[in-house]
Structures are given as structure tokens and as C-alpha cells.
Amino acid sequence: MKILFFFLAFTGLLNAQQIDPAFFEQTWYLYEIFDSDTGETFIVEGYQPYNGNPSIAQIQPRIFIGENLEFSGFGICNTISGTLEQDALTGDLRAVSSTSSSNSCGFFEDMDEPYIFGPFAIIPTDPNLYTIVQPTVTDNGDGTKSMKFGTQPFVEYRYRNTPILNNDTFTKERVNVYPNPAQEKIYIAENNTVVTALQLSTVTGTIITHKELTSLSAENEVDISSLDHGLYLLTLFSGKQTQTFKIVKN
């Protein structure tokens, strides 16, 4: 009996879903949530806050999933982080730890944000519920990728690995990155905006560093001392806005 159980478990492990490596080490921007039970599309090309007020800039919810299955992200006005685990038999992923900030985003936003965080915010007691099922990465043919996964019950989350809106409204008067060129460290100074996350990558898109920030004043430096000489890209996120700086390592 024990031999049979071991054989079945081992067979299930071999047959478990192999997740595309491109699923990991990417910042995925949420652009659509589709409820197949109701036929409703909840998000189209980003989240429009304040009950759909078109005069307010859209927000770009996002999630970053590391190869170690640790994740971090941003919803409407709150950050989230935690750890996933993969079921050895099904290959499905589910959160085993999850922590989010508790800012009030607005009346409608407070109801929407848990839906946006989805399975990343729920630690299921039933392994068949609120799992990340069959994550699939697709090459869009233009250098960008799309990612989607289903959940139980009846919801599909769809992402892209590029910001949805080209809302480049940071200015040097609002965020300052210095020195540039640099040898050891880059510093970030805020003026009239709040930087909620940063990402350092190569010009070919390989992510070197990604972190959600709880306080820029305590995390306002990026160590580049171990990098090779050359050009890098530093992307700063401010919830609704992004800006990418070209950084030269001397």
C-alpha cells in the first residue's frame, strides 16, 4: 500500500504543471479580470478610480513573483507581499502567507481592491479554492508578454509585463535621481510625489532589483557597486504613474 501511494505521488509530481519560467521575475500589470460565471469584465486597461470618474488618472495594479515564490505588488492604494507554494500533484499555486497595508482608498475602491489582489490576498483552507490555476505566458510579438491564470471559482486574471498607460508625468522637479553617472549608489529624492516601488533592469529587460517601498526615506538608495559598467534602467512607480531613468554605471 505504501509503495502504491509513493508511486501515485511520484507520478503526480512528474505530471504536475510546469510553469513557464517567464512567469517569474517579471512585474505583471493587471489589465483585465474576467468573471466567466457572470460574463463580466471587471477591469479594462487599468483601474479607473472614484467609481469610474474619467477625470482621474487610471491606476496600474501590479504583481511581481520571484523564482522563490515570494511576491509583492500594488493594488489601488495598498501594497501586498507574501509567499506562494505549488501543489506537487496539480501544479497549482496558492498563497501560504500574505500581508497588505490597510490604507483607505475610497468607498468604491475599498470594495474593489480585495478583488484586484485576488488569490494573492487569500490563504485558502480548501486547496481547491482561490488557487492560481494554469498560469500561461504568451509572447505578443512586439517584445512584450501577456500572462493569465484562472482561479477557483470562475475568475480569470490577465496581465501584461509593460505598463498599460504611458502616463509619464514625473518631472525632475518631483523626483530626482542622483548621481548619474554613478559608481557605488544611486539616491532617490521625492518632492511632491510618493514613490511606492522601484525596479532596476538591464536595457534588454532583465530585472536586477525590484522592491515595493514602505518608506522611501528609509530605502532611498540603490546599490549598483556590483554591476558591470554600462547603461541600466531605473523605473519608479507612484501608484498611478511611472517614470524610467537611464542610469550609467561608471
C-alpha atoms as a PDB file:
ATOM      1  CA  MET A   1       0.000   0.000   0.000  1.00  0.00           C
ATOM      2  CA  LYS A   2       2.824   2.392   0.899  1.00  0.00           C
ATOM      3  CA  ILE A   3       4.561   1.537  -2.356  1.00  0.00           C
ATOM      4  CA  LEU A   4       1.373   2.279  -4.319  1.00  0.00           C
ATOM      5  CA  PHE A   5       0.915   5.617  -2.540  1.00  0.00           C
ATOM      6  CA  PHE A   6       4.536   6.584  -3.225  1.00  0.00           C
ATOM      7  CA  PHE A   7       4.157   5.611  -6.886  1.00  0.00           C
ATOM      8  CA  LEU A   8       0.990   7.699  -7.271  1.00  0.00           C
ATOM      9  CA  ALA A   9       2.534  10.697  -5.528  1.00  0.00           C
ATOM     10  CA  PHE A  10       5.704  10.447  -7.615  1.00  0.00           C
ATOM     11  CA  THR A  11       3.669  10.115 -10.820  1.00  0.00           C
ATOM     12  CA  GLY A  12       1.607  13.134  -9.842  1.00  0.00           C
ATOM     13  CA  LEU A  13       4.777  15.133  -9.210  1.00  0.00           C
ATOM     14  CA  LEU A  14       6.084  14.259 -12.647  1.00  0.00           C
ATOM     15  CA  ASN A  15       2.761  15.224 -14.190  1.00  0.00           C
ATOM     16  CA  ALA A  16       2.418  18.467 -12.233  1.00  0.00           C
ATOM     17  CA  GLN A  17       2.128  21.558 -14.334  1.00  0.00           C
ATOM     18  CA  GLN A  18       5.484  23.006 -15.361  1.00  0.00           C
ATOM     19  CA  ILE A  19       5.190  26.778 -15.079  1.00  0.00           C
ATOM     20  CA  ASP A  20       6.796  28.872 -17.813  1.00  0.00           C
ATOM     21  CA  PRO A  21       9.974  30.442 -16.345  1.00  0.00           C
ATOM     22  CA  ALA A  22       8.853  33.773 -17.823  1.00  0.00           C
ATOM     23  CA  PHE A  23       6.049  33.781 -15.223  1.00  0.00           C
ATOM     24  CA  PHE A  24       8.678  34.622 -12.612  1.00  0.00           C
ATOM     25  CA  GLU A  25      10.949  37.643 -12.107  1.00  0.00           C
ATOM     26  CA  GLN A  26       8.584  39.933 -14.014  1.00  0.00           C
ATOM     27  CA  THR A  27       6.389  42.839 -12.988  1.00  0.00           C
ATOM     28  CA  TRP A  28       2.927  41.965 -14.291  1.00  0.00           C
ATOM     29  CA  TYR A  29       0.439  44.814 -14.750  1.00  0.00           C
ATOM     30  CA  LEU A  30      -3.194  43.813 -14.326  1.00  0.00           C
ATOM     31  CA  TYR A  31      -5.324  44.897 -17.253  1.00  0.00           C
ATOM     32  CA  GLU A  32      -8.400  42.672 -17.087  1.00  0.00           C
ATOM     33  CA  ILE A  33     -10.382  40.478 -14.691  1.00  0.00           C
ATOM     34  CA  PHE A  34     -12.976  38.288 -16.364  1.00  0.00           C
ATOM     35  CA  ASP A  35     -15.727  36.547 -14.397  1.00  0.00           C
ATOM     36  CA  SER A  36     -16.794  33.600 -16.533  1.00  0.00           C
ATOM     37  CA  ASP A  37     -19.733  32.929 -14.203  1.00  0.00           C
ATOM     38  CA  THR A  38     -21.369  36.317 -14.883  1.00  0.00           C
ATOM     39  CA  GLY A  39     -19.642  37.168 -18.168  1.00  0.00           C
ATOM     40  CA  GLU A  40     -18.490  40.472 -16.638  1.00  0.00           C
ATOM     41  CA  THR A  41     -15.149  42.100 -17.344  1.00  0.00           C
ATOM     42  CA  PHE A  42     -14.173  43.953 -14.206  1.00  0.00           C
ATOM     43  CA  ILE A  43     -11.083  45.817 -15.363  1.00  0.00           C
ATOM     44  CA  VAL A  44     -10.318  47.065 -18.854  1.00  0.00           C
ATOM     45  CA  GLU A  45      -6.884  48.571 -19.472  1.00  0.00           C
ATOM     46  CA  GLY A  46      -6.196  49.542 -15.878  1.00  0.00           C
ATOM     47  CA  TYR A  47      -8.319  50.536 -12.911  1.00  0.00           C
ATOM     48  CA  GLN A  48     -10.386  53.726 -13.082  1.00  0.00           C
ATOM     49  CA  PRO A  49     -10.807  55.029  -9.512  1.00  0.00           C
ATOM     50  CA  TYR A  50     -13.585  57.007  -7.864  1.00  0.00           C
ATOM     51  CA  ASN A  51     -16.425  54.993  -9.381  1.00  0.00           C
ATOM     52  CA  GLY A  52     -15.156  55.376 -12.929  1.00  0.00           C
ATOM     53  CA  ASN A  53     -14.501  59.114 -12.880  1.00  0.00           C
ATOM     54  CA  PRO A  54     -12.743  59.673 -16.226  1.00  0.00           C
ATOM     55  CA  SER A  55     -11.077  62.876 -14.998  1.00  0.00           C
ATOM     56  CA  ILE A  56      -8.935  60.857 -12.559  1.00  0.00           C
ATOM     57  CA  ALA A  57      -5.846  59.104 -13.880  1.00  0.00           C
ATOM     58  CA  GLN A  58      -6.068  55.333 -14.036  1.00  0.00           C
ATOM     59  CA  ILE A  59      -4.136  53.186 -11.572  1.00  0.00           C
ATOM     60  CA  GLN A  60      -1.910  50.310 -12.625  1.00  0.00           C
ATOM     61  CA  PRO A  61      -2.254  47.381 -10.199  1.00  0.00           C
ATOM     62  CA  ARG A  62       0.724  45.059 -10.475  1.00  0.00           C
ATOM     63  CA  ILE A  63       2.319  41.939  -9.025  1.00  0.00           C
ATOM     64  CA  PHE A  64       5.902  40.682  -9.007  1.00  0.00           C
ATOM     65  CA  ILE A  65       6.564  36.954  -8.422  1.00  0.00           C
ATOM     66  CA  GLY A  66      10.061  35.745  -7.685  1.00  0.00           C
ATOM     67  CA  GLU A  67      11.504  32.357  -8.553  1.00  0.00           C
ATOM     68  CA  ASN A  68      11.445  31.609  -4.816  1.00  0.00           C
ATOM     69  CA  LEU A  69       7.626  32.081  -4.965  1.00  0.00           C
ATOM     70  CA  GLU A  70       7.745  35.264  -2.902  1.00  0.00           C
ATOM     71  CA  PHE A  71       5.517  38.011  -4.300  1.00  0.00           C
ATOM     72  CA  SER A  72       4.980  41.730  -3.853  1.00  0.00           C
ATOM     73  CA  GLY A  73       2.611  44.131  -5.504  1.00  0.00           C
ATOM     74  CA  PHE A  74       0.397  47.187  -5.524  1.00  0.00           C
ATOM     75  CA  GLY A  75      -3.385  47.397  -5.782  1.00  0.00           C
ATOM     76  CA  ILE A  76      -5.285  50.673  -5.676  1.00  0.00           C
ATOM     77  CA  CYS A  77      -3.557  52.363  -2.752  1.00  0.00           C
ATOM     78  CA  ASN A  78      -2.151  49.439  -0.781  1.00  0.00           C
ATOM     79  CA  THR A  79       0.884  47.195  -1.115  1.00  0.00           C
ATOM     80  CA  ILE A  80       0.854  43.430  -0.710  1.00  0.00           C
ATOM     81  CA  SER A  81       3.542  40.811  -0.148  1.00  0.00           C
ATOM     82  CA  GLY A  82       3.729  37.159   0.750  1.00  0.00           C
ATOM     83  CA  THR A  83       4.697  33.676  -0.356  1.00  0.00           C
ATOM     84  CA  LEU A  84       3.133  31.110  -2.675  1.00  0.00           C
ATOM     85  CA  GLU A  85       3.504  27.344  -2.705  1.00  0.00           C
ATOM     86  CA  GLN A  86       2.959  24.912  -5.569  1.00  0.00           C
ATOM     87  CA  ASP A  87       0.837  21.812  -5.217  1.00  0.00           C
ATOM     88  CA  ALA A  88       3.014  18.824  -6.129  1.00  0.00           C
ATOM     89  CA  LEU A  89       0.102  16.945  -7.724  1.00  0.00           C
ATOM     90  CA  THR A  90      -1.785  19.653  -9.622  1.00  0.00           C
ATOM     91  CA  GLY A  91       0.907  22.282 -10.137  1.00  0.00           C
ATOM     92  CA  ASP A  92      -1.493  24.977  -8.898  1.00  0.00           C
ATOM     93  CA  LEU A  93      -0.181  27.849  -6.800  1.00  0.00           C
ATOM     94  CA  ARG A  94      -1.739  29.289  -3.651  1.00  0.00           C
ATOM     95  CA  ALA A  95      -0.784  31.837  -1.017  1.00  0.00           C
ATOM     96  CA  VAL A  96       0.563  30.465   2.253  1.00  0.00           C
ATOM     97  CA  SER A  97       1.353  33.909   3.657  1.00  0.00           C
ATOM     98  CA  SER A  98       0.023  37.322   2.687  1.00  0.00           C
ATOM     99  CA  THR A  99       0.318  40.770   4.222  1.00  0.00           C
ATOM    100  CA  SER A 100      -1.078  44.018   2.889  1.00  0.00           C
ATOM    101  CA  SER A 101      -1.188  47.604   4.086  1.00  0.00           C
ATOM    102  CA  SER A 102      -4.540  48.938   5.279  1.00  0.00           C
ATOM    103  CA  ASN A 103      -4.945  52.391   3.771  1.00  0.00           C
ATOM    104  CA  SER A 104      -8.458  53.539   2.938  1.00  0.00           C
ATOM    105  CA  CYS A 105      -8.589  54.062  -0.819  1.00  0.00           C
ATOM    106  CA  GLY A 106     -12.150  55.407  -1.102  1.00  0.00           C
ATOM    107  CA  PHE A 107     -15.657  53.984  -0.749  1.00  0.00           C
ATOM    108  CA  PHE A 108     -15.766  52.001  -4.003  1.00  0.00           C
ATOM    109  CA  GLU A 109     -12.029  51.364  -4.044  1.00  0.00           C
ATOM    110  CA  ASP A 110     -12.107  49.648  -0.643  1.00  0.00           C
ATOM    111  CA  MET A 111     -14.610  47.162  -2.066  1.00  0.00           C
ATOM    112  CA  ASP A 112     -12.677  46.656  -5.304  1.00  0.00           C
ATOM    113  CA  GLU A 113      -9.134  46.239  -4.023  1.00  0.00           C
ATOM    114  CA  PRO A 114      -9.550  42.744  -2.487  1.00  0.00           C
ATOM    115  CA  TYR A 115     -10.913  41.628  -5.868  1.00  0.00           C
ATOM    116  CA  ILE A 116      -7.850  43.135  -7.578  1.00  0.00           C
ATOM    117  CA  PHE A 117      -5.429  41.384  -5.203  1.00  0.00           C
ATOM    118  CA  GLY A 118      -7.416  38.183  -5.776  1.00  0.00           C
ATOM    119  CA  PRO A 119      -5.733  34.902  -4.821  1.00  0.00           C
ATOM    120  CA  PHE A 120      -2.600  36.697  -3.623  1.00  0.00           C
ATOM    121  CA  ALA A 121      -4.544  38.082  -0.653  1.00  0.00           C
ATOM    122  CA  ILE A 122      -6.345  34.870   0.332  1.00  0.00           C
ATOM    123  CA  ILE A 123      -4.834  31.969   2.262  1.00  0.00           C
ATOM    124  CA  PRO A 124      -7.291  29.177   1.400  1.00  0.00           C
ATOM    125  CA  THR A 125      -8.204  26.463   3.865  1.00  0.00           C
ATOM    126  CA  ASP A 126      -9.516  24.422   0.932  1.00  0.00           C
ATOM    127  CA  PRO A 127      -6.696  23.777  -1.587  1.00  0.00           C
ATOM    128  CA  ASN A 128      -9.265  23.712  -4.393  1.00  0.00           C
ATOM    129  CA  LEU A 129     -10.405  27.303  -3.777  1.00  0.00           C
ATOM    130  CA  TYR A 130      -8.706  30.605  -4.615  1.00  0.00           C
ATOM    131  CA  THR A 131      -5.749  28.926  -6.263  1.00  0.00           C
ATOM    132  CA  ILE A 132      -3.741  30.198  -9.225  1.00  0.00           C
ATOM    133  CA  VAL A 133      -4.582  27.684 -11.938  1.00  0.00           C
ATOM    134  CA  GLN A 134      -2.621  27.155 -15.171  1.00  0.00           C
ATOM    135  CA  PRO A 135      -0.609  30.394 -15.396  1.00  0.00           C
ATOM    136  CA  THR A 136       0.187  30.901 -19.071  1.00  0.00           C
ATOM    137  CA  VAL A 137       2.683  33.336 -20.613  1.00  0.00           C
ATOM    138  CA  THR A 138       2.258  34.454 -24.236  1.00  0.00           C
ATOM    139  CA  ASP A 139       4.708  36.359 -26.427  1.00  0.00           C
ATOM    140  CA  ASN A 140       2.858  39.281 -28.019  1.00  0.00           C
ATOM    141  CA  GLY A 141       5.297  39.542 -30.920  1.00  0.00           C
ATOM    142  CA  ASP A 142       6.300  43.128 -30.127  1.00  0.00           C
ATOM    143  CA  GLY A 143       8.805  42.414 -27.373  1.00  0.00           C
ATOM    144  CA  THR A 144       6.148  42.312 -24.640  1.00  0.00           C
ATOM    145  CA  LYS A 145       4.442  39.377 -22.985  1.00  0.00           C
ATOM    146  CA  SER A 146       0.989  38.643 -21.607  1.00  0.00           C
ATOM    147  CA  MET A 147       0.173  36.395 -18.671  1.00  0.00           C
ATOM    148  CA  LYS A 148      -3.093  34.959 -17.463  1.00  0.00           C
ATOM    149  CA  PHE A 149      -4.310  32.455 -14.920  1.00  0.00           C
ATOM    150  CA  GLY A 150      -7.623  31.120 -13.739  1.00  0.00           C
ATOM    151  CA  THR A 151      -8.828  30.842 -10.181  1.00  0.00           C
ATOM    152  CA  GLN A 152     -11.426  28.799  -8.396  1.00  0.00           C
ATOM    153  CA  PRO A 153     -14.141  29.904  -8.619  1.00  0.00           C
ATOM    154  CA  PHE A 154     -14.721  31.216 -12.155  1.00  0.00           C
ATOM    155  CA  VAL A 155     -12.358  34.198 -12.433  1.00  0.00           C
ATOM    156  CA  GLU A 156      -9.533  34.794 -14.890  1.00  0.00           C
ATOM    157  CA  TYR A 157      -6.821  37.385 -14.284  1.00  0.00           C
ATOM    158  CA  ARG A 158      -5.000  38.850 -17.293  1.00  0.00           C
ATOM    159  CA  TYR A 159      -1.743  40.820 -17.142  1.00  0.00           C
ATOM    160  CA  ARG A 160       0.979  42.347 -19.318  1.00  0.00           C
ATOM    161  CA  ASN A 161       4.628  42.892 -18.475  1.00  0.00           C
ATOM    162  CA  THR A 162       4.551  46.509 -19.590  1.00  0.00           C
ATOM    163  CA  PRO A 163       2.698  49.462 -18.057  1.00  0.00           C
ATOM    164  CA  ILE A 164      -0.773  49.872 -19.502  1.00  0.00           C
ATOM    165  CA  LEU A 165      -0.753  53.646 -19.570  1.00  0.00           C
ATOM    166  CA  ASN A 166       2.035  55.811 -20.870  1.00  0.00           C
ATOM    167  CA  ASN A 167       1.456  58.287 -18.075  1.00  0.00           C
ATOM    168  CA  ASP A 168       4.910  59.807 -17.816  1.00  0.00           C
ATOM    169  CA  THR A 169       4.066  62.731 -15.534  1.00  0.00           C
ATOM    170  CA  PHE A 170       7.003  62.606 -13.164  1.00  0.00           C
ATOM    171  CA  THR A 171       9.380  65.512 -13.656  1.00  0.00           C
ATOM    172  CA  LYS A 172      12.828  66.147 -12.300  1.00  0.00           C
ATOM    173  CA  GLU A 173      11.237  68.742 -10.045  1.00  0.00           C
ATOM    174  CA  ARG A 174       9.103  66.000  -8.434  1.00  0.00           C
ATOM    175  CA  VAL A 175      11.583  63.102  -8.324  1.00  0.00           C
ATOM    176  CA  ASN A 176      15.341  63.454  -8.503  1.00  0.00           C
ATOM    177  CA  VAL A 177      17.747  60.562  -9.145  1.00  0.00           C
ATOM    178  CA  TYR A 178      21.424  61.237  -8.446  1.00  0.00           C
ATOM    179  CA  PRO A 179      24.330  60.967  -9.045  1.00  0.00           C
ATOM    180  CA  ASN A 180      24.209  59.911 -12.660  1.00  0.00           C
ATOM    181  CA  PRO A 181      26.642  58.547 -13.815  1.00  0.00           C
ATOM    182  CA  ALA A 182      27.433  56.703 -10.587  1.00  0.00           C
ATOM    183  CA  GLN A 183      29.880  54.106  -9.311  1.00  0.00           C
ATOM    184  CA  GLU A 184      28.526  52.871  -5.976  1.00  0.00           C
ATOM    185  CA  LYS A 185      24.981  54.010  -5.176  1.00  0.00           C
ATOM    186  CA  ILE A 186      22.073  55.882  -6.710  1.00  0.00           C
ATOM    187  CA  TYR A 187      19.876  58.041  -4.487  1.00  0.00           C
ATOM    188  CA  ILE A 188      16.225  58.980  -4.995  1.00  0.00           C
ATOM    189  CA  ALA A 189      14.742  62.198  -3.650  1.00  0.00           C
ATOM    190  CA  GLU A 190      10.998  62.908  -3.583  1.00  0.00           C
ATOM    191  CA  ASN A 191       9.499  66.360  -3.677  1.00  0.00           C
ATOM    192  CA  ASN A 192       5.780  66.416  -4.457  1.00  0.00           C
ATOM    193  CA  THR A 193       5.160  62.740  -5.143  1.00  0.00           C
ATOM    194  CA  VAL A 194       5.362  59.424  -3.276  1.00  0.00           C
ATOM    195  CA  VAL A 195       7.428  56.637  -4.799  1.00  0.00           C
ATOM    196  CA  THR A 196       5.844  53.288  -3.892  1.00  0.00           C
ATOM    197  CA  ALA A 197       8.180  50.909  -5.734  1.00  0.00           C
ATOM    198  CA  LEU A 198      11.347  50.803  -7.778  1.00  0.00           C
ATOM    199  CA  GLN A 199      12.807  48.442 -10.328  1.00  0.00           C
ATOM    200  CA  LEU A 200      16.315  48.303 -11.778  1.00  0.00           C
ATOM    201  CA  SER A 201      16.818  46.388 -15.009  1.00  0.00           C
ATOM    202  CA  THR A 202      19.160  45.984 -17.942  1.00  0.00           C
ATOM    203  CA  VAL A 203      18.327  47.646 -21.240  1.00  0.00           C
ATOM    204  CA  THR A 204      17.252  44.233 -22.539  1.00  0.00           C
ATOM    205  CA  GLY A 205      14.635  43.890 -19.790  1.00  0.00           C
ATOM    206  CA  THR A 206      16.353  41.586 -17.279  1.00  0.00           C
ATOM    207  CA  ILE A 207      15.265  42.646 -13.794  1.00  0.00           C
ATOM    208  CA  ILE A 208      18.137  43.155 -11.357  1.00  0.00           C
ATOM    209  CA  THR A 209      16.237  44.605  -8.405  1.00  0.00           C
ATOM    210  CA  HIS A 210      12.558  45.056  -7.666  1.00  0.00           C
ATOM    211  CA  LYS A 211      11.060  46.167  -4.376  1.00  0.00           C
ATOM    212  CA  GLU A 212       7.870  47.708  -3.070  1.00  0.00           C
ATOM    213  CA  LEU A 213       8.633  50.562  -0.704  1.00  0.00           C
ATOM    214  CA  THR A 214       7.020  51.263   2.647  1.00  0.00           C
ATOM    215  CA  SER A 215       9.112  54.380   3.204  1.00  0.00           C
ATOM    216  CA  LEU A 216      11.375  55.896   0.600  1.00  0.00           C
ATOM    217  CA  SER A 217      13.183  57.901   3.272  1.00  0.00           C
ATOM    218  CA  ALA A 218      14.453  54.605   4.700  1.00  0.00           C
ATOM    219  CA  GLU A 219      15.041  52.907   1.336  1.00  0.00           C
ATOM    220  CA  ASN A 220      16.131  55.747  -0.921  1.00  0.00           C
ATOM    221  CA  GLU A 221      19.284  54.189  -2.278  1.00  0.00           C
ATOM    222  CA  VAL A 222      20.082  51.535  -4.875  1.00  0.00           C
ATOM    223  CA  ASP A 223      23.440  49.767  -4.658  1.00  0.00           C
ATOM    224  CA  ILE A 224      24.983  49.352  -8.120  1.00  0.00           C
ATOM    225  CA  SER A 225      28.552  48.682  -6.982  1.00  0.00           C
ATOM    226  CA  SER A 226      28.494  45.038  -8.147  1.00  0.00           C
ATOM    227  CA  LEU A 227      27.154  45.805 -11.617  1.00  0.00           C
ATOM    228  CA  ASP A 228      29.221  45.860 -14.782  1.00  0.00           C
ATOM    229  CA  HIS A 229      29.921  49.210 -16.398  1.00  0.00           C
ATOM    230  CA  GLY A 230      27.182  50.287 -18.784  1.00  0.00           C
ATOM    231  CA  LEU A 231      23.632  51.536 -19.155  1.00  0.00           C
ATOM    232  CA  TYR A 232      20.720  50.449 -16.924  1.00  0.00           C
ATOM    233  CA  LEU A 233      17.072  51.432 -16.499  1.00  0.00           C
ATOM    234  CA  LEU A 234      15.602  52.554 -13.161  1.00  0.00           C
ATOM    235  CA  THR A 235      11.790  52.605 -13.108  1.00  0.00           C
ATOM    236  CA  LEU A 236       9.982  54.399 -10.296  1.00  0.00           C
ATOM    237  CA  PHE A 237       6.309  53.760  -9.519  1.00  0.00           C
ATOM    238  CA  SER A 238       3.926  56.151  -7.858  1.00  0.00           C
ATOM    239  CA  GLY A 239       0.756  54.075  -7.933  1.00  0.00           C
ATOM    240  CA  LYS A 240      -0.824  55.847 -10.899  1.00  0.00           C
ATOM    241  CA  GLN A 241       2.382  56.951 -12.578  1.00  0.00           C
ATOM    242  CA  THR A 242       5.719  55.582 -13.714  1.00  0.00           C
ATOM    243  CA  GLN A 243       8.953  57.059 -14.946  1.00  0.00           C
ATOM    244  CA  THR A 244      12.069  55.315 -16.222  1.00  0.00           C
ATOM    245  CA  PHE A 245      15.511  56.873 -15.807  1.00  0.00           C
ATOM    246  CA  LYS A 246      18.569  55.850 -17.796  1.00  0.00           C
ATOM    247  CA  ILE A 247      21.370  55.122 -15.314  1.00  0.00           C
ATOM    248  CA  VAL A 248      25.026  54.966 -16.295  1.00  0.00           C
ATOM    249  CA  LYS A 249      27.337  52.801 -14.143  1.00  0.00           C
ATOM    250  CA  ASN A 250      30.921  54.111 -14.349  1.00  0.00           C
END
